[in-house]
Every structure is written in structure tokens, then in C-alpha cells.
């Protein structure tokens, strides 16, 4: 059985990029990241935040799915073949 916390490289990279997008949204909202005067800060921060959350969802879903399979293997038709 594989480790519940071990994730594919693509999922880990997507989660890291999502975290960076959320960090960018935080920096924009607090005006720590300068932008040109014509740019709407709240809209850009909202887009970055939503994009970051969407990129982090696959990792959360995969860990939840693997945890559910480890806790209740009978629900997923995984029988223990140690007999």
C-alpha cells in the first residue's frame, strides 16, 4: 500500500503554484506589491486567490480519497490478501 501523503510530482507543483498565487493575492490586497495605476487591484487579487484555490484542490482531493481508502477498504472493494 502506498503512503497516503505521497503525491505525484504534477500535483505537488500545482499546489506550490497555487500557494504562490494566494501569496500574490495577499501581497496585492495589502499594497505590498506595486502595480500600474490603471490596474484594478481587488479584481486581480480575487482572480489570483480563486486560481490558487483551484490549483490546490487536486492535492486535497487526492489525499482525502487515499485516506478514505485506507480507513475503510471494504467500501472500495479492496480486500486484504494476507490470508
Protein backbone atom coordinates (compact mmCIF):
# COMPACT_ATOMS: atom_id res chain seq x y z
CA UNK A 1 0.00 0.00 0.00
CA UNK A 2 1.35 3.40 -0.92
CA UNK A 3 1.71 6.24 1.52
CA UNK A 4 -1.32 8.49 1.86
CA UNK A 5 0.81 11.65 1.86
CA UNK A 6 2.93 10.78 -1.21
CA UNK A 7 1.59 12.82 -4.13
CA UNK A 8 2.50 12.81 -7.82
CA UNK A 9 5.01 15.47 -8.85
CA UNK A 10 2.48 17.31 -11.04
CA UNK A 11 0.03 17.64 -8.13
CA UNK A 12 2.76 18.94 -5.82
CA UNK A 13 3.88 21.50 -8.42
CA UNK A 14 0.26 22.63 -8.95
CA UNK A 15 -0.19 23.00 -5.20
CA UNK A 16 3.01 25.05 -4.91
CA UNK A 17 1.93 27.35 -7.74
CA UNK A 18 -1.48 27.70 -6.08
CA UNK A 19 0.19 28.71 -2.83
CA UNK A 20 2.25 31.31 -4.67
CA UNK A 21 -0.88 32.71 -6.33
CA UNK A 22 -2.60 33.04 -2.95
CA UNK A 23 0.52 34.73 -1.57
CA UNK A 24 0.45 37.12 -4.53
CA UNK A 25 -3.19 37.93 -3.81
CA UNK A 26 -2.29 38.71 -0.19
CA UNK A 27 0.54 40.97 -1.30
CA UNK A 28 -1.75 42.81 -3.72
CA UNK A 29 -4.52 43.37 -1.19
CA UNK A 30 -2.07 44.80 1.37
CA UNK A 31 -0.45 47.02 -1.30
CA UNK A 32 2.99 45.43 -0.77
CA UNK A 33 3.26 44.67 -4.48
CA UNK A 34 3.25 47.75 -6.72
CA UNK A 35 1.01 47.77 -9.80
CA UNK A 36 0.39 50.33 -12.55
CA UNK A 37 -2.30 52.89 -11.74
CA UNK A 38 -4.79 51.54 -14.31
CA UNK A 39 -4.85 48.03 -12.81
CA UNK A 40 -7.80 47.08 -10.61
CA UNK A 41 -6.15 45.56 -7.51
CA UNK A 42 -9.22 43.90 -5.97
CA UNK A 43 -10.21 42.15 -9.20
CA UNK A 44 -6.69 40.88 -9.82
CA UNK A 45 -6.36 39.71 -6.20
CA UNK A 46 -9.69 37.88 -6.45
CA UNK A 47 -8.64 36.14 -9.65
CA UNK A 48 -5.29 35.14 -8.13
CA UNK A 49 -6.97 33.82 -4.98
CA UNK A 50 -9.57 31.76 -6.85
CA UNK A 51 -6.90 30.42 -9.22
CA UNK A 52 -4.71 29.46 -6.27
CA UNK A 53 -7.51 27.62 -4.53
CA UNK A 54 -8.41 25.77 -7.74
CA UNK A 55 -4.80 24.67 -8.18
CA UNK A 56 -4.69 23.38 -4.60
CA UNK A 57 -7.90 21.35 -4.82
CA UNK A 58 -6.47 18.26 -6.62
CA UNK A 59 -3.94 17.64 -3.83
CA UNK A 60 -6.61 17.96 -1.14
CA UNK A 61 -8.99 15.69 -3.06
CA UNK A 62 -6.30 13.05 -3.66
CA UNK A 63 -5.25 12.98 -0.01
CA UNK A 64 -8.89 12.73 1.08
CA UNK A 65 -9.52 9.88 -1.37
CA UNK A 66 -6.44 7.92 -0.26
CA UNK A 67 -7.29 8.46 3.41
CA UNK A 68 -10.82 7.18 2.85
CA UNK A 69 -9.45 4.10 1.08
CA UNK A 70 -7.02 3.45 3.94
CA UNK A 71 -9.66 3.88 6.65
CA UNK A 72 -12.42 1.82 5.03
CA UNK A 73 -11.04 -0.50 2.33
CA UNK A 74 -14.27 -2.52 2.30
CA UNK A 75 -16.15 0.45 0.85
CA UNK A 76 -13.84 0.44 -2.16
CA UNK A 77 -13.77 -3.36 -2.67
CA UNK A 78 -10.14 -3.62 -1.54
CA UNK A 79 -9.74 -6.83 0.40
CA UNK A 80 -6.67 -7.68 2.40
CA UNK A 81 -4.93 -10.63 0.74
CA UNK A 82 -2.78 -11.70 3.70
CA UNK A 83 -4.66 -14.98 4.28
